[in-house]
C-alpha atoms as a PDB file:
ATOM      1  CA  UNK A   1     -30.512 -77.477  39.129  1.00  0.00           C
ATOM      2  CA  UNK A   2     -29.885 -75.476  42.342  1.00  0.00           C
ATOM      3  CA  UNK A   3     -26.705 -77.431  43.034  1.00  0.00           C
ATOM      4  CA  UNK A   4     -25.509 -76.879  39.474  1.00  0.00           C
ATOM      5  CA  UNK A   5     -26.053 -73.136  39.757  1.00  0.00           C
ATOM      6  CA  UNK A   6     -24.267 -72.997  43.094  1.00  0.00           C
ATOM      7  CA  UNK A   7     -21.372 -75.007  41.669  1.00  0.00           C
ATOM      8  CA  UNK A   8     -21.081 -72.685  38.676  1.00  0.00           C
ATOM      9  CA  UNK A   9     -21.176 -69.578  40.868  1.00  0.00           C
ATOM     10  CA  UNK A  10     -18.687 -71.031  43.292  1.00  0.00           C
ATOM     11  CA  UNK A  11     -16.329 -72.062  40.473  1.00  0.00           C
ATOM     12  CA  UNK A  12     -16.476 -68.614  38.832  1.00  0.00           C
ATOM     13  CA  UNK A  13     -15.927 -66.875  42.155  1.00  0.00           C
ATOM     14  CA  UNK A  14     -12.944 -69.127  42.991  1.00  0.00           C
ATOM     15  CA  UNK A  15     -11.432 -68.643  39.555  1.00  0.00           C
ATOM     16  CA  UNK A  16     -11.744 -64.840  39.764  1.00  0.00           C
ATOM     17  CA  UNK A  17     -10.296 -64.817  43.290  1.00  0.00           C
ATOM     18  CA  UNK A  18      -7.311 -66.964  42.293  1.00  0.00           C
ATOM     19  CA  UNK A  19      -6.710 -64.792  39.225  1.00  0.00           C
ATOM     20  CA  UNK A  20      -6.713 -61.614  41.312  1.00  0.00           C
ATOM     21  CA  UNK A  21      -4.335 -63.138  43.897  1.00  0.00           C
ATOM     22  CA  UNK A  22      -1.909 -64.123  41.166  1.00  0.00           C
ATOM     23  CA  UNK A  23      -1.983 -61.397  38.501  1.00  0.00           C
ATOM     24  CA  UNK A  24      -2.600 -58.206  40.512  1.00  0.00           C
ATOM     25  CA  UNK A  25       0.559 -58.572  42.641  1.00  0.00           C
ATOM     26  CA  UNK A  26       2.495 -59.735  39.553  1.00  0.00           C
ATOM     27  CA  UNK A  27       1.492 -56.610  37.630  1.00  0.00           C
ATOM     28  CA  UNK A  28       1.412 -58.564  34.401  1.00  0.00           C
ATOM     29  CA  UNK A  29      -0.417 -61.369  32.582  1.00  0.00           C
ATOM     30  CA  UNK A  30       2.922 -62.642  31.215  1.00  0.00           C
ATOM     31  CA  UNK A  31       3.319 -65.130  34.043  1.00  0.00           C
ATOM     32  CA  UNK A  32       3.305 -68.734  32.803  1.00  0.00           C
ATOM     33  CA  UNK A  33       3.586 -70.234  36.286  1.00  0.00           C
ATOM     34  CA  UNK A  34       0.354 -68.531  37.264  1.00  0.00           C
ATOM     35  CA  UNK A  35      -1.492 -69.678  34.141  1.00  0.00           C
ATOM     36  CA  UNK A  36      -0.391 -73.287  34.729  1.00  0.00           C
ATOM     37  CA  UNK A  37      -1.406 -73.035  38.366  1.00  0.00           C
ATOM     38  CA  UNK A  38      -4.880 -71.724  37.404  1.00  0.00           C
ATOM     39  CA  UNK A  39      -5.295 -74.505  34.846  1.00  0.00           C
ATOM     40  CA  UNK A  40      -4.305 -77.164  37.360  1.00  0.00           C
ATOM     41  CA  UNK A  41      -6.490 -75.680  40.126  1.00  0.00           C
ATOM     42  CA  UNK A  42      -9.482 -75.375  37.818  1.00  0.00           C
ATOM     43  CA  UNK A  43      -9.242 -78.896  36.439  1.00  0.00           C
ATOM     44  CA  UNK A  44      -8.593 -80.482  39.812  1.00  0.00           C
ATOM     45  CA  UNK A  45     -11.626 -78.826  41.420  1.00  0.00           C
ATOM     46  CA  UNK A  46     -14.240 -78.590  38.657  1.00  0.00           C
ATOM     47  CA  UNK A  47     -13.922 -82.037  37.070  1.00  0.00           C
ATOM     48  CA  UNK A  48     -14.568 -83.990  40.335  1.00  0.00           C
ATOM     49  CA  UNK A  49     -17.240 -81.466  41.343  1.00  0.00           C
ATOM     50  CA  UNK A  50     -19.101 -81.962  38.053  1.00  0.00           C
ATOM     51  CA  UNK A  51     -18.859 -85.711  38.611  1.00  0.00           C
ATOM     52  CA  UNK A  52     -20.369 -85.340  42.074  1.00  0.00           C
ATOM     53  CA  UNK A  53     -23.071 -83.009  40.795  1.00  0.00           C
ATOM     54  CA  UNK A  54     -24.151 -85.746  38.371  1.00  0.00           C
ATOM     55  CA  UNK A  55     -23.736 -88.745  40.681  1.00  0.00           C
ATOM     56  CA  UNK A  56     -24.149 -87.517  44.225  1.00  0.00           C
ATOM     57  CA  UNK A  57     -25.333 -83.919  44.560  1.00  0.00           C
ATOM     58  CA  UNK A  58     -26.019 -84.340  48.281  1.00  0.00           C
ATOM     59  CA  UNK A  59     -22.342 -85.056  48.927  1.00  0.00           C
ATOM     60  CA  UNK A  60     -21.360 -82.051  46.883  1.00  0.00           C
ATOM     61  CA  UNK A  61     -23.746 -79.851  48.882  1.00  0.00           C
ATOM     62  CA  UNK A  62     -22.069 -80.960  52.111  1.00  0.00           C
ATOM     63  CA  UNK A  63     -18.678 -79.894  50.812  1.00  0.00           C
ATOM     64  CA  UNK A  64     -20.027 -76.535  49.610  1.00  0.00           C
ATOM     65  CA  UNK A  65     -21.340 -75.673  53.068  1.00  0.00           C
ATOM     66  CA  UNK A  66     -17.834 -75.203  54.443  1.00  0.00           C
ATOM     67  CA  UNK A  67     -15.759 -72.273  55.572  1.00  0.00           C
ATOM     68  CA  UNK A  68     -14.828 -70.703  58.934  1.00  0.00           C
ATOM     69  CA  UNK A  69     -18.435 -69.713  59.820  1.00  0.00           C
ATOM     70  CA  UNK A  70     -19.564 -73.322  59.497  1.00  0.00           C
ATOM     71  CA  UNK A  71     -17.268 -74.488  62.302  1.00  0.00           C
ATOM     72  CA  UNK A  72     -18.888 -75.290  65.639  1.00  0.00           C
ATOM     73  CA  UNK A  73     -16.433 -73.828  68.133  1.00  0.00           C
ATOM     74  CA  UNK A  74     -15.126 -70.274  68.216  1.00  0.00           C
ATOM     75  CA  UNK A  75     -11.548 -71.495  68.402  1.00  0.00           C
ATOM     76  CA  UNK A  76     -12.112 -73.665  65.336  1.00  0.00           C
ATOM     77  CA  UNK A  77     -13.413 -70.613  63.461  1.00  0.00           C
ATOM     78  CA  UNK A  78     -10.283 -68.686  64.393  1.00  0.00           C
ATOM     79  CA  UNK A  79      -7.985 -71.566  63.370  1.00  0.00           C
ATOM     80  CA  UNK A  80      -9.616 -71.953  59.960  1.00  0.00           C
ATOM     81  CA  UNK A  81      -9.687 -68.175  59.357  1.00  0.00           C
ATOM     82  CA  UNK A  82      -5.949 -67.941  60.072  1.00  0.00           C
ATOM     83  CA  UNK A  83      -5.272 -70.940  57.820  1.00  0.00           C
ATOM     84  CA  UNK A  84      -7.093 -69.233  54.916  1.00  0.00           C
ATOM     85  CA  UNK A  85      -5.360 -65.906  55.527  1.00  0.00           C
ATOM     86  CA  UNK A  86      -2.016 -67.674  55.722  1.00  0.00           C
ATOM     87  CA  UNK A  87      -2.650 -69.403  52.379  1.00  0.00           C
ATOM     88  CA  UNK A  88      -3.660 -66.151  50.708  1.00  0.00           C
ATOM     89  CA  UNK A  89      -0.591 -64.362  52.091  1.00  0.00           C
ATOM     90  CA  UNK A  90       1.649 -67.213  50.961  1.00  0.00           C
ATOM     91  CA  UNK A  91       0.370 -67.029  47.385  1.00  0.00           C
ATOM     92  CA  UNK A  92       0.567 -63.213  47.214  1.00  0.00           C
ATOM     93  CA  UNK A  93       4.083 -63.061  48.669  1.00  0.00           C
ATOM     94  CA  UNK A  94       5.159 -65.805  46.272  1.00  0.00           C
ATOM     95  CA  UNK A  95       3.910 -63.730  43.380  1.00  0.00           C
ATOM     96  CA  UNK A  96       5.656 -60.588  44.681  1.00  0.00           C
ATOM     97  CA  UNK A  97       8.835 -62.655  45.035  1.00  0.00           C
ATOM     98  CA  UNK A  98       8.531 -63.631  41.369  1.00  0.00           C
ATOM     99  CA  UNK A  99       7.910 -60.031  40.302  1.00  0.00           C
ATOM    100  CA  UNK A 100      10.818 -58.613  42.308  1.00  0.00           C
ATOM    101  CA  UNK A 101      13.189 -61.433  41.382  1.00  0.00           C
ATOM    102  CA  UNK A 102      14.105 -62.184  44.970  1.00  0.00           C
ATOM    103  CA  UNK A 103      14.496 -65.888  44.259  1.00  0.00           C
ATOM    104  CA  UNK A 104      14.434 -68.240  41.330  1.00  0.00           C
ATOM    105  CA  UNK A 105      12.809 -71.662  41.100  1.00  0.00           C
ATOM    106  CA  UNK A 106      13.546 -74.044  38.186  1.00  0.00           C
ATOM    107  CA  UNK A 107      10.649 -74.588  35.798  1.00  0.00           C
ATOM    108  CA  UNK A 108      10.661 -78.324  36.518  1.00  0.00           C
ATOM    109  CA  UNK A 109      10.167 -77.698  40.249  1.00  0.00           C
ATOM    110  CA  UNK A 110       7.223 -75.384  39.571  1.00  0.00           C
ATOM    111  CA  UNK A 111       5.634 -78.143  37.480  1.00  0.00           C
ATOM    112  CA  UNK A 112       6.272 -80.700  40.196  1.00  0.00           C
ATOM    113  CA  UNK A 113       4.504 -78.389  42.615  1.00  0.00           C
ATOM    114  CA  UNK A 114       1.564 -78.118  40.269  1.00  0.00           C
ATOM    115  CA  UNK A 115       1.325 -81.909  40.026  1.00  0.00           C
ATOM    116  CA  UNK A 116       1.353 -82.199  43.827  1.00  0.00           C
ATOM    117  CA  UNK A 117      -1.301 -79.504  44.164  1.00  0.00           C
ATOM    118  CA  UNK A 118      -3.492 -81.415  41.688  1.00  0.00           C
ATOM    119  CA  UNK A 119      -2.840 -84.594  43.681  1.00  0.00           C
ATOM    120  CA  UNK A 120      -3.816 -82.929  46.921  1.00  0.00           C
ATOM    121  CA  UNK A 121      -7.064 -81.466  45.557  1.00  0.00           C
ATOM    122  CA  UNK A 122      -7.849 -84.691  43.733  1.00  0.00           C
ATOM    123  CA  UNK A 123      -7.252 -86.717  46.883  1.00  0.00           C
ATOM    124  CA  UNK A 124      -9.719 -84.560  48.792  1.00  0.00           C
ATOM    125  CA  UNK A 125     -12.341 -85.124  46.105  1.00  0.00           C
ATOM    126  CA  UNK A 126     -11.643 -88.894  46.203  1.00  0.00           C
ATOM    127  CA  UNK A 127     -12.491 -88.843  49.898  1.00  0.00           C
ATOM    128  CA  UNK A 128     -15.827 -87.233  49.149  1.00  0.00           C
ATOM    129  CA  UNK A 129     -16.563 -89.661  46.323  1.00  0.00           C
ATOM    130  CA  UNK A 130     -15.724 -92.668  48.529  1.00  0.00           C
ATOM    131  CA  UNK A 131     -17.565 -91.366  51.548  1.00  0.00           C
ATOM    132  CA  UNK A 132     -21.067 -89.994  50.900  1.00  0.00           C
ATOM    133  CA  UNK A 133     -21.131 -88.289  54.322  1.00  0.00           C
ATOM    134  CA  UNK A 134     -17.835 -86.395  54.055  1.00  0.00           C
ATOM    135  CA  UNK A 135     -18.538 -82.794  54.936  1.00  0.00           C
ATOM    136  CA  UNK A 136     -16.728 -79.556  55.625  1.00  0.00           C
ATOM    137  CA  UNK A 137     -17.713 -79.670  59.302  1.00  0.00           C
ATOM    138  CA  UNK A 138     -18.336 -82.475  61.742  1.00  0.00           C
ATOM    139  CA  UNK A 139     -22.021 -82.970  62.463  1.00  0.00           C
ATOM    140  CA  UNK A 140     -24.517 -85.755  63.066  1.00  0.00           C
ATOM    141  CA  UNK A 141     -26.559 -87.083  60.153  1.00  0.00           C
ATOM    142  CA  UNK A 142     -29.094 -89.893  60.055  1.00  0.00           C
ATOM    143  CA  UNK A 143     -27.903 -93.286  58.853  1.00  0.00           C
ATOM    144  CA  UNK A 144     -24.253 -92.464  59.239  1.00  0.00           C
ATOM    145  CA  UNK A 145     -21.347 -94.247  60.919  1.00  0.00           C
ATOM    146  CA  UNK A 146     -17.644 -93.621  61.339  1.00  0.00           C
ATOM    147  CA  UNK A 147     -15.852 -94.335  58.081  1.00  0.00           C
ATOM    148  CA  UNK A 148     -12.982 -96.781  58.220  1.00  0.00           C
ATOM    149  CA  UNK A 149     -12.871 -98.064  54.638  1.00  0.00           C
ATOM    150  CA  UNK A 150     -11.170 -96.632  51.551  1.00  0.00           C
ATOM    151  CA  UNK A 151      -8.663 -93.923  52.388  1.00  0.00           C
ATOM    152  CA  UNK A 152      -9.900 -93.910  56.031  1.00  0.00           C
ATOM    153  CA  UNK A 153      -8.270 -97.293  56.426  1.00  0.00           C
ATOM    154  CA  UNK A 154      -4.881 -95.598  56.012  1.00  0.00           C
ATOM    155  CA  UNK A 155      -5.320 -92.186  57.711  1.00  0.00           C
ATOM    156  CA  UNK A 156      -7.899 -90.690  60.047  1.00  0.00           C
ATOM    157  CA  UNK A 157      -7.875 -87.230  58.451  1.00  0.00           C
ATOM    158  CA  UNK A 158      -7.397 -87.655  54.684  1.00  0.00           C
ATOM    159  CA  UNK A 159      -8.921 -84.291  53.738  1.00  0.00           C
ATOM    160  CA  UNK A 160      -6.579 -82.418  56.071  1.00  0.00           C
ATOM    161  CA  UNK A 161      -3.735 -84.456  54.519  1.00  0.00           C
ATOM    162  CA  UNK A 162      -4.795 -83.282  51.068  1.00  0.00           C
ATOM    163  CA  UNK A 163      -4.812 -79.661  52.254  1.00  0.00           C
ATOM    164  CA  UNK A 164      -1.302 -79.988  53.610  1.00  0.00           C
ATOM    165  CA  UNK A 165      -0.072 -81.514  50.364  1.00  0.00           C
ATOM    166  CA  UNK A 166      -1.475 -78.589  48.411  1.00  0.00           C
ATOM    167  CA  UNK A 167      -0.171 -76.008  50.883  1.00  0.00           C
ATOM    168  CA  UNK A 168       3.371 -77.404  50.889  1.00  0.00           C
ATOM    169  CA  UNK A 169       3.442 -77.573  47.098  1.00  0.00           C
ATOM    170  CA  UNK A 170       2.301 -73.990  46.434  1.00  0.00           C
ATOM    171  CA  UNK A 171       5.563 -72.392  47.686  1.00  0.00           C
ATOM    172  CA  UNK A 172       7.481 -74.128  44.903  1.00  0.00           C
ATOM    173  CA  UNK A 173       6.235 -71.314  42.636  1.00  0.00           C
ATOM    174  CA  UNK A 174       9.063 -69.318  44.257  1.00  0.00           C
ATOM    175  CA  UNK A 175      11.512 -70.020  47.071  1.00  0.00           C
ATOM    176  CA  UNK A 176      11.645 -68.840  50.650  1.00  0.00           C
ATOM    177  CA  UNK A 177       8.005 -69.114  51.690  1.00  0.00           C
ATOM    178  CA  UNK A 178       8.042 -72.401  53.549  1.00  0.00           C
ATOM    179  CA  UNK A 179       7.366 -70.424  56.751  1.00  0.00           C
ATOM    180  CA  UNK A 180       3.778 -69.981  55.582  1.00  0.00           C
ATOM    181  CA  UNK A 181       3.411 -73.695  54.983  1.00  0.00           C
ATOM    182  CA  UNK A 182       4.783 -74.389  58.457  1.00  0.00           C
ATOM    183  CA  UNK A 183       2.269 -71.947  59.986  1.00  0.00           C
ATOM    184  CA  UNK A 184      -0.605 -73.514  58.065  1.00  0.00           C
ATOM    185  CA  UNK A 185       0.479 -76.950  59.210  1.00  0.00           C
ATOM    186  CA  UNK A 186       0.325 -75.709  62.787  1.00  0.00           C
ATOM    187  CA  UNK A 187      -3.223 -74.352  62.316  1.00  0.00           C
ATOM    188  CA  UNK A 188      -4.377 -77.659  60.827  1.00  0.00           C
ATOM    189  CA  UNK A 189      -2.814 -79.705  63.619  1.00  0.00           C
ATOM    190  CA  UNK A 190      -4.708 -77.556  66.134  1.00  0.00           C
ATOM    191  CA  UNK A 191      -7.921 -78.106  64.205  1.00  0.00           C
ATOM    192  CA  UNK A 192      -7.317 -81.847  64.158  1.00  0.00           C
ATOM    193  CA  UNK A 193      -6.784 -81.991  67.928  1.00  0.00           C
ATOM    194  CA  UNK A 194      -9.991 -80.065  68.535  1.00  0.00           C
ATOM    195  CA  UNK A 195     -11.899 -82.296  66.181  1.00  0.00           C
ATOM    196  CA  UNK A 196     -10.500 -85.464  67.729  1.00  0.00           C
ATOM    197  CA  UNK A 197     -11.678 -84.303  71.152  1.00  0.00           C
ATOM    198  CA  UNK A 198     -15.192 -84.054  69.797  1.00  0.00           C
ATOM    199  CA  UNK A 199     -14.989 -87.484  68.209  1.00  0.00           C
ATOM    200  CA  UNK A 200     -13.705 -89.088  71.402  1.00  0.00           C
ATOM    201  CA  UNK A 201     -16.477 -87.385  73.363  1.00  0.00           C
ATOM    202  CA  UNK A 202     -19.048 -88.822  70.962  1.00  0.00           C
ATOM    203  CA  UNK A 203     -17.635 -92.330  70.341  1.00  0.00           C
ATOM    204  CA  UNK A 204     -15.597 -92.940  73.517  1.00  0.00           C
ATOM    205  CA  UNK A 205     -13.583 -96.134  73.461  1.00  0.00           C
ATOM    206  CA  UNK A 206     -14.722 -97.029  69.939  1.00  0.00           C
ATOM    207  CA  UNK A 207     -13.060 -94.002  68.362  1.00  0.00           C
ATOM    208  CA  UNK A 208     -10.117 -94.329  70.726  1.00  0.00           C
ATOM    209  CA  UNK A 209      -9.572 -97.853  69.439  1.00  0.00           C
ATOM    210  CA  UNK A 210      -9.794 -96.660  65.841  1.00  0.00           C
ATOM    211  CA  UNK A 211      -7.328 -93.883  66.618  1.00  0.00           C
ATOM    212  CA  UNK A 212      -4.842 -96.402  68.036  1.00  0.00           C
ATOM    213  CA  UNK A 213      -4.931 -98.481  64.881  1.00  0.00           C
ATOM    214  CA  UNK A 214      -4.964 -95.894  62.107  1.00  0.00           C
ATOM    215  CA  UNK A 215      -2.416 -93.106  61.585  1.00  0.00           C
ATOM    216  CA  UNK A 216      -3.519 -89.486  61.928  1.00  0.00           C
ATOM    217  CA  UNK A 217      -2.009 -88.050  58.702  1.00  0.00           C
ATOM    218  CA  UNK A 218       0.922 -90.189  57.504  1.00  0.00           C
ATOM    219  CA  UNK A 219      -0.007 -93.709  56.294  1.00  0.00           C
ATOM    220  CA  UNK A 220       1.854 -96.629  57.825  1.00  0.00           C
ATOM    221  CA  UNK A 221       3.410 -94.459  60.518  1.00  0.00           C
ATOM    222  CA  UNK A 222       3.597 -97.164  63.141  1.00  0.00           C
ATOM    223  CA  UNK A 223      -0.116 -97.991  63.076  1.00  0.00           C
ATOM    224  CA  UNK A 224      -1.917-101.189  62.090  1.00  0.00           C
ATOM    225  CA  UNK A 225      -4.856-101.178  59.750  1.00  0.00           C
ATOM    226  CA  UNK A 226      -8.182-101.216  61.520  1.00  0.00           C
ATOM    227  CA  UNK A 227     -10.554-104.172  61.080  1.00  0.00           C
ATOM    228  CA  UNK A 228     -13.192-102.295  59.084  1.00  0.00           C
ATOM    229  CA  UNK A 229     -15.972-104.769  59.825  1.00  0.00           C
ATOM    230  CA  UNK A 230     -15.457-104.521  63.558  1.00  0.00           C
ATOM    231  CA  UNK A 231     -14.914-100.742  63.492  1.00  0.00           C
ATOM    232  CA  UNK A 232     -18.297-100.072  61.908  1.00  0.00           C
ATOM    233  CA  UNK A 233     -20.238-102.191  64.406  1.00  0.00           C
ATOM    234  CA  UNK A 234     -22.587-100.305  66.769  1.00  0.00           C
ATOM    235  CA  UNK A 235     -20.876 -96.936  66.243  1.00  0.00           C
ATOM    236  CA  UNK A 236     -23.159 -93.961  66.714  1.00  0.00           C
ATOM    237  CA  UNK A 237     -24.158 -91.922  63.711  1.00  0.00           C
ATOM    238  CA  UNK A 238     -21.577 -89.223  63.116  1.00  0.00           C
ATOM    239  CA  UNK A 239     -19.482 -87.627  60.405  1.00  0.00           C
ATOM    240  CA  UNK A 240     -16.008 -89.078  59.869  1.00  0.00           C
ATOM    241  CA  UNK A 241     -12.992 -86.886  60.631  1.00  0.00           C
ATOM    242  CA  UNK A 242     -11.651 -84.772  57.816  1.00  0.00           C
END
């Protein structure tokens, strides 16, 4: 029950926040791109969350304990804070662009962006469904090993990949805001490097071997698939990378 209440409160807060970010700068509710975006965002986040609440509430709790303050290092907190601020600024400026008519994006391209946003959010939820220990921050938990099956057989940081897919798709609501997506990509790459240092410190040669065989973000980018049976042998208990 507690998880359900937290999920409902989090969903309502997120929906209100997204609505404010979209409609206040627009100065109107007559904004079909924003309504479609809200519908896609709501469906892509709530449906998998409800599924997790029914089938694996512990995994859902791990994902809900995220945010900048949950990061271990001060530099990681700063990186995540700037990534969130960059995303908010990107959405708001995109809306202002629409209101002022600075640029025009075809309706079909806006819809393509919405599909990609849904794919990015859905991909992140798939990672959580496949991996019971996926969490918003890297931390040790009992009975846990480095994940190398499912999506982790193709990329080491699938959740970060899903974030980037959503970030790069959002600017299609208007044109000219790819600079924000580039900045967010930079923040995420910094976060990945910091996280990988921690993982190498914990796992040593075992994680180094996994890193040599599996791509960081882009599947099949010159890496071979890791032998999942071997990779899970005698690996210390630890969260997988995001």
